[in-house]
Amino acid sequence: MKKIIFAFIIPCLSVACTILKNGISYSGEEGIFAKSVAQYPTQYRLVEYGEPNFELGIEFKSHKNGRIKGIRIKNPQSGNLRLSFWDADEKKLISTYTFNNGNPGKYNFGYFQIPVKANRTYCLTINVREYYYHVLTFDKLPLNLQEISLTNSVYAEGKYQRYPEFKVDNVIHGLIDLDFEWEVEKKIYGRH
């Protein structure tokens, strides 16, 4: 075991190593972005009979390379939800996941390993018939941090998976939270 650890440490002594810094979330563990919207009540919408479902969620821009290590969703619709991860710059689907929304009254957490690139814009969406949302009466998106920005709330109508082409800056749809870890170059130099 000591040989394996030693073999890993030696290459890092003279070159830059990339590590992931524990990240941020807008409404999860750290609640950094949530402090901006805490003054607004959580509202509820049920799609009426005959209306289509909604593909809705958040658009964000990563300012650094990193990954989404976890996703939290608070939605009144229990069971498995389809979670879609989109490249917003190219308007194309990157991945589809199944998210178990076991308790509709709280944020449910799922572990993920989704890589994101610096200066790219992405969307995370769910397709639902009912959802929670915040109306930002006094504030508007984007909500900015040094590492990441929550740029828009996005949506599209329809039961089938489709790119959420409509954007708003005064509502947060779907209450989707992501935990983001970003890359940090750490230089360690050996002794001479």
Protein backbone atom coordinates (compact mmCIF):
# COMPACT_ATOMS: atom_id res chain seq x y z
CA MET A 1 0.00 0.00 0.00
CA LYS A 2 2.84 2.42 0.78
CA LYS A 3 4.32 1.88 -2.68
CA ILE A 4 1.05 2.84 -4.38
CA ILE A 5 0.69 6.04 -2.39
CA PHE A 6 4.35 6.93 -2.92
CA ALA A 7 4.05 6.34 -6.69
CA PHE A 8 1.11 8.76 -6.84
CA ILE A 9 2.83 11.48 -4.80
CA ILE A 10 6.11 11.57 -6.77
CA PRO A 11 4.62 12.74 -10.11
CA CYS A 12 2.81 15.55 -8.31
CA LEU A 13 5.96 16.94 -6.76
CA SER A 14 7.29 18.53 -9.90
CA VAL A 15 4.22 19.16 -12.11
CA ALA A 16 0.88 20.83 -11.69
CA CYS A 17 -1.87 18.46 -10.54
CA THR A 18 -5.53 19.12 -11.17
CA ILE A 19 -7.86 18.59 -8.24
CA LEU A 20 -11.55 19.25 -7.74
CA LYS A 21 -12.51 21.76 -5.08
CA ASN A 22 -15.64 20.91 -3.12
CA GLY A 23 -18.31 22.90 -4.73
CA ILE A 24 -21.38 25.01 -4.41
CA SER A 25 -25.08 24.61 -4.83
CA TYR A 26 -27.79 27.15 -5.25
CA SER A 27 -30.29 25.54 -2.91
CA GLY A 28 -28.75 22.42 -1.45
CA GLU A 29 -26.23 21.90 1.32
CA GLU A 30 -24.58 25.31 1.13
CA GLY A 31 -27.60 27.25 -0.12
CA ILE A 32 -25.48 30.03 -1.61
CA PHE A 33 -27.90 30.98 -4.38
CA ALA A 34 -30.90 30.13 -2.19
CA LYS A 35 -30.15 33.11 0.03
CA SER A 36 -31.09 35.31 -2.92
CA VAL A 37 -34.51 33.67 -3.35
CA ALA A 38 -35.35 32.79 0.28
CA GLN A 39 -37.64 35.82 0.55
CA TYR A 40 -39.93 34.44 -2.17
CA PRO A 41 -42.60 31.85 -1.34
CA THR A 42 -42.56 28.46 -3.04
CA GLN A 43 -45.51 28.27 -5.39
CA TYR A 44 -47.17 25.26 -6.99
CA ARG A 45 -48.62 24.56 -10.45
CA LEU A 46 -50.55 21.54 -11.70
CA VAL A 47 -50.93 21.20 -15.46
CA GLU A 48 -54.65 21.25 -16.30
CA TYR A 49 -56.37 18.40 -18.10
CA GLY A 50 -55.67 18.70 -21.82
CA GLU A 51 -52.53 20.79 -21.36
CA PRO A 52 -49.15 19.28 -22.26
CA ASN A 53 -46.41 18.44 -19.76
CA PHE A 54 -43.54 20.84 -19.23
CA GLU A 55 -39.84 20.26 -19.84
CA LEU A 56 -38.48 22.77 -17.34
CA GLY A 57 -35.44 23.59 -15.26
CA ILE A 58 -32.36 25.77 -15.06
CA GLU A 59 -29.72 27.05 -17.44
CA PHE A 60 -26.25 27.66 -16.02
CA LYS A 61 -22.83 28.69 -17.24
CA SER A 62 -19.69 27.18 -15.77
CA HIS A 63 -16.78 29.60 -15.51
CA LYS A 64 -14.33 26.78 -14.72
CA ASN A 65 -13.87 23.16 -15.75
CA GLY A 66 -15.45 20.79 -13.27
CA ARG A 67 -18.29 18.37 -12.72
CA ILE A 68 -21.75 18.12 -11.29
CA LYS A 69 -21.32 15.76 -8.34
CA GLY A 70 -24.93 15.74 -7.23
CA ILE A 71 -28.39 16.97 -8.13
CA ARG A 72 -31.30 17.80 -5.82
CA ILE A 73 -34.85 18.13 -7.06
CA LYS A 74 -37.90 19.32 -5.16
CA ASN A 75 -41.01 18.44 -7.11
CA PRO A 76 -44.58 17.51 -6.06
CA GLN A 77 -44.63 14.61 -8.54
CA SER A 78 -43.23 11.51 -6.81
CA GLY A 79 -41.55 8.52 -8.43
CA ASN A 80 -39.02 8.39 -11.24
CA LEU A 81 -38.52 11.60 -13.20
CA ARG A 82 -36.65 11.97 -16.49
CA LEU A 83 -33.70 14.33 -15.98
CA SER A 84 -32.19 15.75 -19.17
CA PHE A 85 -28.76 17.38 -19.45
CA TRP A 86 -28.44 19.73 -22.45
CA ASP A 87 -25.66 21.65 -24.15
CA ALA A 88 -27.36 25.04 -24.35
CA ASP A 89 -24.73 26.51 -26.70
CA GLU A 90 -25.43 23.83 -29.34
CA LYS A 91 -29.04 23.17 -28.26
CA LYS A 92 -28.54 19.41 -28.10
CA LEU A 93 -29.12 16.65 -25.60
CA ILE A 94 -25.99 15.33 -23.88
CA SER A 95 -27.44 12.74 -21.46
CA THR A 96 -30.68 11.42 -19.98
CA TYR A 97 -30.96 10.13 -16.43
CA THR A 98 -33.67 8.65 -14.23
CA PHE A 99 -34.09 10.53 -10.97
CA ASN A 100 -36.01 9.00 -8.06
CA ASN A 101 -38.11 11.72 -6.46
CA GLY A 102 -39.08 9.72 -3.37
CA ASN A 103 -40.34 12.51 -1.12
CA PRO A 104 -42.19 15.30 -2.96
CA GLY A 105 -42.11 17.62 0.07
CA LYS A 106 -38.33 18.01 0.23
CA TYR A 107 -35.21 18.16 -1.93
CA ASN A 108 -34.28 14.62 -3.04
CA PHE A 109 -30.61 13.96 -3.76
CA GLY A 110 -28.90 11.86 -6.42
CA TYR A 111 -25.16 11.33 -6.97
CA PHE A 112 -23.85 12.11 -10.45
CA GLN A 113 -20.51 12.49 -12.22
CA ILE A 114 -21.32 14.89 -15.08
CA PRO A 115 -18.32 16.73 -16.53
CA VAL A 116 -18.73 20.38 -17.55
CA LYS A 117 -16.36 22.66 -19.42
CA ALA A 118 -15.44 26.24 -18.66
CA ASN A 119 -17.31 28.98 -20.53
CA ARG A 120 -20.02 26.59 -21.74
CA THR A 121 -23.74 26.92 -21.04
CA TYR A 122 -25.84 23.92 -20.01
CA CYS A 123 -29.43 23.12 -19.00
CA LEU A 124 -30.81 20.61 -16.51
CA THR A 125 -34.50 19.86 -17.04
CA ILE A 126 -37.25 17.51 -15.88
CA ASN A 127 -40.49 16.63 -17.68
CA VAL A 128 -43.46 16.90 -15.31
CA ARG A 129 -47.16 17.65 -15.01
CA GLU A 130 -46.79 19.50 -11.71
CA TYR A 131 -44.00 21.57 -10.25
CA TYR A 132 -42.85 24.10 -7.67
CA TYR A 133 -41.45 27.50 -8.61
CA HIS A 134 -40.32 30.86 -7.21
CA VAL A 135 -41.45 34.16 -8.74
CA LEU A 136 -38.59 36.63 -8.35
CA THR A 137 -40.59 39.79 -7.67
CA PHE A 138 -37.66 42.08 -6.92
CA ASP A 139 -34.68 40.22 -8.38
CA LYS A 140 -33.82 38.85 -11.79
CA LEU A 141 -31.50 36.19 -13.08
CA PRO A 142 -28.58 35.73 -13.56
CA LEU A 143 -27.33 34.87 -10.10
CA ASN A 144 -23.54 34.96 -10.36
CA LEU A 145 -20.70 33.37 -8.45
CA GLN A 146 -17.05 33.27 -9.44
CA GLU A 147 -17.25 29.62 -10.53
CA ILE A 148 -20.77 29.34 -11.96
CA SER A 149 -23.80 31.46 -12.90
CA LEU A 150 -27.47 30.51 -12.83
CA THR A 151 -28.42 32.33 -16.05
CA ASN A 152 -32.08 31.55 -16.81
CA SER A 153 -35.04 29.44 -15.97
CA VAL A 154 -36.00 27.41 -19.04
CA TYR A 155 -39.05 25.53 -20.28
CA ALA A 156 -40.81 23.97 -23.25
CA GLU A 157 -44.24 22.38 -23.58
CA GLY A 158 -44.68 18.73 -24.42
CA LYS A 159 -44.58 15.22 -23.03
CA TYR A 160 -41.56 14.27 -25.11
CA GLN A 161 -37.99 15.26 -24.44
CA ARG A 162 -37.16 18.49 -26.26
CA TYR A 163 -34.76 21.36 -25.88
CA PRO A 164 -36.24 24.04 -23.55
CA GLU A 165 -36.24 26.97 -25.96
CA PHE A 166 -38.13 29.45 -23.75
CA LYS A 167 -36.16 31.41 -21.14
CA VAL A 168 -37.29 33.68 -18.33
CA ASP A 169 -35.29 35.71 -15.83
CA ASN A 170 -37.92 36.37 -13.15
CA VAL A 171 -39.02 32.80 -12.27
CA ILE A 172 -37.09 29.76 -11.07
CA HIS A 173 -38.96 26.74 -12.50
CA GLY A 174 -38.79 23.22 -11.16
CA LEU A 175 -36.51 23.82 -8.15
CA ILE A 176 -33.53 21.88 -9.49
CA ASP A 177 -30.29 22.29 -7.58
CA LEU A 178 -26.85 21.15 -8.62
CA ASP A 179 -23.70 20.61 -6.57
CA PHE A 180 -20.78 21.77 -8.68
CA GLU A 181 -17.10 21.00 -8.10
CA TRP A 182 -14.54 22.93 -10.11
CA GLU A 183 -10.97 22.18 -11.07
CA VAL A 184 -8.14 23.92 -9.28
CA GLU A 185 -4.54 23.64 -10.40
CA LYS A 186 -2.33 23.05 -7.45
CA LYS A 187 1.42 23.33 -7.87
CA ILE A 188 3.56 21.35 -5.49
CA TYR A 189 7.29 21.53 -5.82
CA GLY A 190 9.73 18.93 -4.48
CA ARG A 191 12.69 19.62 -2.27
CA HIS A 192 16.08 20.05 -3.93
